[in-house]
Every structure is written in C-alpha cells, then in structure tokens.
Amino acid sequence: MIGGNLVAEDNMKARTIVEIFGQKYTVIGTETSSHIRSVAAMVDEKMRDIQQYNAVLDTKQLAVLTAVNLMNEYLKTKEELEKLQQQIRKEDK
C-alpha cells in the first residue's frame, strides 16, 4: 500500500480515496478497495482514541504516536503468532 497522490506504475494497482482524521488520501495498492477502506477506518479510529487521552497533540504528533501504538500492537501479535506456530510444530512432532 502506498499513500499520497502517486501514479500507479502497474495497471493491477487500484486507487482508493479514504479519509483519516478529517484528511482525504489517495491510496494506491494491490489490495481491494474494501480492504484499504477498512485499514483507513482502523487508523482513523486509533487516532481518535489516542486523541481522547492526548488532546494537546497536533496532527503530526498524533500520527506518529498512532504509528508507534500500531507497530507495538503488530509486534505483539507477530510474537504471539510465532509462539503459536512453535507450539504447533512441537505438537506435530
């Protein structure tokens, strides 16, 4: 997924316009438009959740804090998945 108003190099890429935190973005990627809209909605929701507890942050600070929070969630989920995969491999032996 690529953000911004970039020209698609591949005809297989689709453009989807989304709104995140009151700002419109054109997202270009190979995922379906519904997937991209779902991702954008989740980012928007996370930004709004974080803003409730950090009302003094400007949009840039809020975006960075949201990215940090989402990456933290991603890494925790990835670690959990790896542990489950190791467990499955042990059980299969």
N, C-alpha and C. Protein backbone atom coordinates (compact mmCIF):
# COMPACT_ATOMS: atom_id res chain seq x y z
N MET A 1 0.84 -1.15 0.00
CA MET A 1 0.00 0.00 0.00
C MET A 1 0.90 1.23 0.00
N ILE A 2 0.57 2.20 -0.80
CA ILE A 2 1.37 3.42 -0.89
C ILE A 2 0.43 4.59 -0.67
N GLY A 3 0.83 5.54 0.16
CA GLY A 3 -0.01 6.70 0.42
C GLY A 3 0.38 7.87 -0.47
N GLY A 4 -0.47 8.86 -0.53
CA GLY A 4 -0.18 10.05 -1.31
C GLY A 4 -0.83 9.98 -2.67
N ASN A 5 -0.55 10.96 -3.47
CA ASN A 5 -1.10 11.02 -4.82
C ASN A 5 -0.04 10.59 -5.82
N LEU A 6 0.30 9.33 -5.80
CA LEU A 6 1.34 8.79 -6.68
C LEU A 6 0.71 8.12 -7.88
N VAL A 7 1.43 8.12 -8.98
CA VAL A 7 0.96 7.48 -10.20
C VAL A 7 1.26 5.99 -10.11
N ALA A 8 0.26 5.17 -10.40
CA ALA A 8 0.45 3.72 -10.36
C ALA A 8 1.33 3.30 -11.51
N GLU A 9 2.37 2.51 -11.20
CA GLU A 9 3.25 2.00 -12.24
C GLU A 9 2.70 0.72 -12.85
N ASP A 10 1.81 0.08 -12.14
CA ASP A 10 1.28 -1.21 -12.55
C ASP A 10 -0.23 -1.08 -12.71
N ASN A 11 -0.75 -1.54 -13.82
CA ASN A 11 -2.19 -1.45 -14.06
C ASN A 11 -3.01 -2.25 -13.06
N MET A 12 -2.36 -3.18 -12.33
CA MET A 12 -3.07 -4.00 -11.36
C MET A 12 -3.36 -3.23 -10.07
N LYS A 13 -2.75 -2.09 -9.89
CA LYS A 13 -2.95 -1.31 -8.68
C LYS A 13 -4.21 -0.47 -8.79
N ALA A 14 -4.91 -0.39 -7.68
CA ALA A 14 -6.16 0.37 -7.65
C ALA A 14 -5.99 1.61 -6.80
N ARG A 15 -6.70 2.65 -7.14
CA ARG A 15 -6.72 3.89 -6.36
C ARG A 15 -7.98 3.87 -5.49
N THR A 16 -7.78 4.20 -4.23
CA THR A 16 -8.91 4.29 -3.31
C THR A 16 -8.75 5.57 -2.52
N ILE A 17 -9.79 6.38 -2.50
CA ILE A 17 -9.76 7.61 -1.71
C ILE A 17 -10.35 7.29 -0.35
N VAL A 18 -9.60 7.62 0.70
CA VAL A 18 -10.04 7.37 2.07
C VAL A 18 -9.92 8.66 2.86
N GLU A 19 -10.59 8.69 3.99
CA GLU A 19 -10.47 9.83 4.89
C GLU A 19 -9.98 9.33 6.24
N ILE A 20 -8.91 9.94 6.70
CA ILE A 20 -8.34 9.60 8.00
C ILE A 20 -8.18 10.89 8.79
N PHE A 21 -8.85 10.95 9.91
CA PHE A 21 -8.77 12.10 10.81
C PHE A 21 -9.07 13.40 10.08
N GLY A 22 -10.12 13.35 9.25
CA GLY A 22 -10.59 14.54 8.55
C GLY A 22 -9.80 14.93 7.32
N GLN A 23 -8.82 14.13 6.95
CA GLN A 23 -7.98 14.43 5.79
C GLN A 23 -8.17 13.34 4.74
N LYS A 24 -8.34 13.75 3.48
CA LYS A 24 -8.50 12.76 2.41
C LYS A 24 -7.14 12.36 1.85
N TYR A 25 -7.03 11.05 1.56
CA TYR A 25 -5.80 10.49 1.00
C TYR A 25 -6.18 9.57 -0.16
N THR A 26 -5.33 9.56 -1.19
CA THR A 26 -5.47 8.59 -2.26
C THR A 26 -4.45 7.49 -1.99
N VAL A 27 -4.95 6.29 -1.80
CA VAL A 27 -4.09 5.16 -1.51
C VAL A 27 -4.04 4.29 -2.76
N ILE A 28 -2.84 3.94 -3.17
CA ILE A 28 -2.65 3.11 -4.37
C ILE A 28 -2.04 1.80 -3.93
N GLY A 29 -2.68 0.70 -4.31
CA GLY A 29 -2.14 -0.59 -3.92
C GLY A 29 -2.85 -1.73 -4.62
N THR A 30 -2.36 -2.93 -4.36
CA THR A 30 -2.93 -4.12 -4.99
C THR A 30 -4.07 -4.71 -4.17
N GLU A 31 -4.25 -4.23 -2.94
CA GLU A 31 -5.34 -4.73 -2.11
C GLU A 31 -6.67 -4.21 -2.65
N THR A 32 -7.74 -4.87 -2.22
CA THR A 32 -9.06 -4.42 -2.66
C THR A 32 -9.40 -3.08 -2.01
N SER A 33 -10.27 -2.34 -2.66
CA SER A 33 -10.70 -1.06 -2.10
C SER A 33 -11.34 -1.24 -0.73
N SER A 34 -12.09 -2.31 -0.56
CA SER A 34 -12.74 -2.53 0.75
C SER A 34 -11.69 -2.79 1.83
N HIS A 35 -10.61 -3.49 1.48
CA HIS A 35 -9.53 -3.73 2.43
C HIS A 35 -8.86 -2.40 2.81
N ILE A 36 -8.56 -1.59 1.82
CA ILE A 36 -7.91 -0.31 2.06
C ILE A 36 -8.80 0.58 2.91
N ARG A 37 -10.10 0.61 2.61
CA ARG A 37 -11.03 1.41 3.41
C ARG A 37 -11.09 0.90 4.85
N SER A 38 -11.03 -0.40 5.02
CA SER A 38 -11.04 -1.00 6.36
C SER A 38 -9.79 -0.59 7.14
N VAL A 39 -8.64 -0.65 6.50
CA VAL A 39 -7.39 -0.24 7.14
C VAL A 39 -7.47 1.23 7.53
N ALA A 40 -7.93 2.06 6.61
CA ALA A 40 -8.03 3.50 6.88
C ALA A 40 -8.98 3.77 8.04
N ALA A 41 -10.09 3.05 8.09
CA ALA A 41 -11.05 3.24 9.19
C ALA A 41 -10.43 2.85 10.53
N MET A 42 -9.62 1.80 10.53
CA MET A 42 -8.96 1.38 11.77
C MET A 42 -7.92 2.40 12.21
N VAL A 43 -7.18 2.97 11.27
CA VAL A 43 -6.20 4.01 11.60
C VAL A 43 -6.93 5.24 12.15
N ASP A 44 -8.01 5.62 11.48
CA ASP A 44 -8.80 6.77 11.93
C ASP A 44 -9.32 6.54 13.35
N GLU A 45 -9.84 5.36 13.61
CA GLU A 45 -10.36 5.04 14.94
C GLU A 45 -9.25 5.10 15.99
N LYS A 46 -8.08 4.56 15.67
CA LYS A 46 -6.95 4.57 16.60
C LYS A 46 -6.51 6.00 16.89
N MET A 47 -6.44 6.83 15.84
CA MET A 47 -6.06 8.23 16.05
C MET A 47 -7.05 8.94 16.95
N ARG A 48 -8.33 8.70 16.74
CA ARG A 48 -9.35 9.35 17.57
C ARG A 48 -9.30 8.85 19.01
N ASP A 49 -9.04 7.56 19.19
CA ASP A 49 -8.89 7.01 20.55
C ASP A 49 -7.72 7.66 21.28
N ILE A 50 -6.59 7.75 20.60
CA ILE A 50 -5.40 8.34 21.22
C ILE A 50 -5.62 9.82 21.51
N GLN A 51 -6.30 10.51 20.60
CA GLN A 51 -6.54 11.95 20.79
C GLN A 51 -7.37 12.21 22.05
N GLN A 52 -8.27 11.30 22.40
CA GLN A 52 -9.10 11.48 23.59
C GLN A 52 -8.24 11.64 24.84
N TYR A 53 -7.09 10.96 24.88
CA TYR A 53 -6.23 10.99 26.05
C TYR A 53 -5.06 11.95 25.89
N ASN A 54 -4.89 12.51 24.70
CA ASN A 54 -3.77 13.40 24.40
C ASN A 54 -4.26 14.58 23.56
N ALA A 55 -5.19 15.34 24.09
CA ALA A 55 -5.85 16.40 23.32
C ALA A 55 -4.90 17.52 22.88
N VAL A 56 -3.75 17.66 23.53
CA VAL A 56 -2.83 18.75 23.20
C VAL A 56 -1.93 18.44 22.00
N LEU A 57 -1.94 17.20 21.52
CA LEU A 57 -1.07 16.83 20.40
C LEU A 57 -1.57 17.44 19.10
N ASP A 58 -0.64 17.91 18.26
CA ASP A 58 -1.05 18.33 16.92
C ASP A 58 -1.18 17.07 16.05
N THR A 59 -1.66 17.24 14.85
CA THR A 59 -1.95 16.09 13.99
C THR A 59 -0.70 15.27 13.69
N LYS A 60 0.42 15.93 13.47
CA LYS A 60 1.67 15.20 13.18
C LYS A 60 2.09 14.37 14.38
N GLN A 61 2.06 14.94 15.56
CA GLN A 61 2.42 14.20 16.76
C GLN A 61 1.46 13.04 16.99
N LEU A 62 0.19 13.29 16.75
CA LEU A 62 -0.83 12.26 16.91
C LEU A 62 -0.60 11.12 15.92
N ALA A 63 -0.23 11.46 14.68
CA ALA A 63 0.03 10.44 13.67
C ALA A 63 1.23 9.57 14.07
N VAL A 64 2.29 10.20 14.59
CA VAL A 64 3.46 9.44 14.99
C VAL A 64 3.13 8.55 16.17
N LEU A 65 2.41 9.07 17.16
CA LEU A 65 2.02 8.27 18.32
C LEU A 65 1.12 7.12 17.90
N THR A 66 0.25 7.36 16.95
CA THR A 66 -0.60 6.29 16.42
C THR A 66 0.24 5.23 15.74
N ALA A 67 1.21 5.63 14.94
CA ALA A 67 2.09 4.67 14.26
C ALA A 67 2.85 3.83 15.28
N VAL A 68 3.35 4.47 16.34
CA VAL A 68 4.08 3.75 17.38
C VAL A 68 3.16 2.73 18.06
N ASN A 69 1.95 3.15 18.38
CA ASN A 69 0.99 2.24 19.02
C ASN A 69 0.63 1.07 18.11
N LEU A 70 0.38 1.36 16.85
CA LEU A 70 0.01 0.29 15.91
C LEU A 70 1.17 -0.67 15.68
N MET A 71 2.40 -0.16 15.61
CA MET A 71 3.56 -1.03 15.43
C MET A 71 3.76 -1.90 16.68
N ASN A 72 3.52 -1.34 17.85
CA ASN A 72 3.60 -2.11 19.08
C ASN A 72 2.59 -3.26 19.05
N GLU A 73 1.37 -2.96 18.66
CA GLU A 73 0.34 -4.00 18.56
C GLU A 73 0.73 -5.05 17.53
N TYR A 74 1.29 -4.61 16.41
CA TYR A 74 1.71 -5.52 15.36
C TYR A 74 2.79 -6.48 15.87
N LEU A 75 3.81 -5.92 16.54
CA LEU A 75 4.91 -6.74 17.03
C LEU A 75 4.45 -7.74 18.09
N LYS A 76 3.54 -7.31 18.96
CA LYS A 76 3.00 -8.24 19.96
C LYS A 76 2.22 -9.37 19.28
N THR A 77 1.43 -9.03 18.28
CA THR A 77 0.67 -10.04 17.55
C THR A 77 1.59 -10.99 16.80
N LYS A 78 2.65 -10.44 16.19
CA LYS A 78 3.62 -11.25 15.47
C LYS A 78 4.32 -12.23 16.42
N GLU A 79 4.73 -11.75 17.59
CA GLU A 79 5.37 -12.61 18.58
C GLU A 79 4.42 -13.72 19.04
N GLU A 80 3.17 -13.36 19.25
CA GLU A 80 2.17 -14.36 19.66
C GLU A 80 1.98 -15.41 18.57
N LEU A 81 1.92 -14.97 17.32
CA LEU A 81 1.78 -15.90 16.20
C LEU A 81 2.98 -16.84 16.13
N GLU A 82 4.19 -16.30 16.30
CA GLU A 82 5.39 -17.14 16.26
C GLU A 82 5.37 -18.17 17.38
N LYS A 83 4.94 -17.78 18.58
CA LYS A 83 4.84 -18.73 19.70
C LYS A 83 3.84 -19.83 19.38
N LEU A 84 2.70 -19.47 18.82
CA LEU A 84 1.69 -20.46 18.45
C LEU A 84 2.20 -21.40 17.37
N GLN A 85 2.93 -20.86 16.40
CA GLN A 85 3.50 -21.70 15.35
C GLN A 85 4.52 -22.67 15.91
N GLN A 86 5.34 -22.22 16.87
CA GLN A 86 6.31 -23.11 17.51
C GLN A 86 5.58 -24.20 18.29
N GLN A 87 4.51 -23.82 18.96
CA GLN A 87 3.72 -24.80 19.71
C GLN A 87 3.15 -25.86 18.79
N ILE A 88 2.64 -25.43 17.65
CA ILE A 88 2.06 -26.37 16.68
C ILE A 88 3.13 -27.31 16.16
N ARG A 89 4.31 -26.77 15.85
CA ARG A 89 5.40 -27.62 15.36
C ARG A 89 5.81 -28.66 16.40
N LYS A 90 5.85 -28.26 17.67
CA LYS A 90 6.19 -29.20 18.74
C LYS A 90 5.14 -30.29 18.86
N GLU A 91 3.87 -29.92 18.73
CA GLU A 91 2.78 -30.88 18.85
C GLU A 91 2.75 -31.83 17.66
N ASP A 92 3.21 -31.37 16.50
CA ASP A 92 3.20 -32.20 15.29
C ASP A 92 4.33 -33.24 15.29
N LYS A 93 5.31 -33.05 16.15
CA LYS A 93 6.46 -33.97 16.17
C LYS A 93 6.17 -35.21 16.98
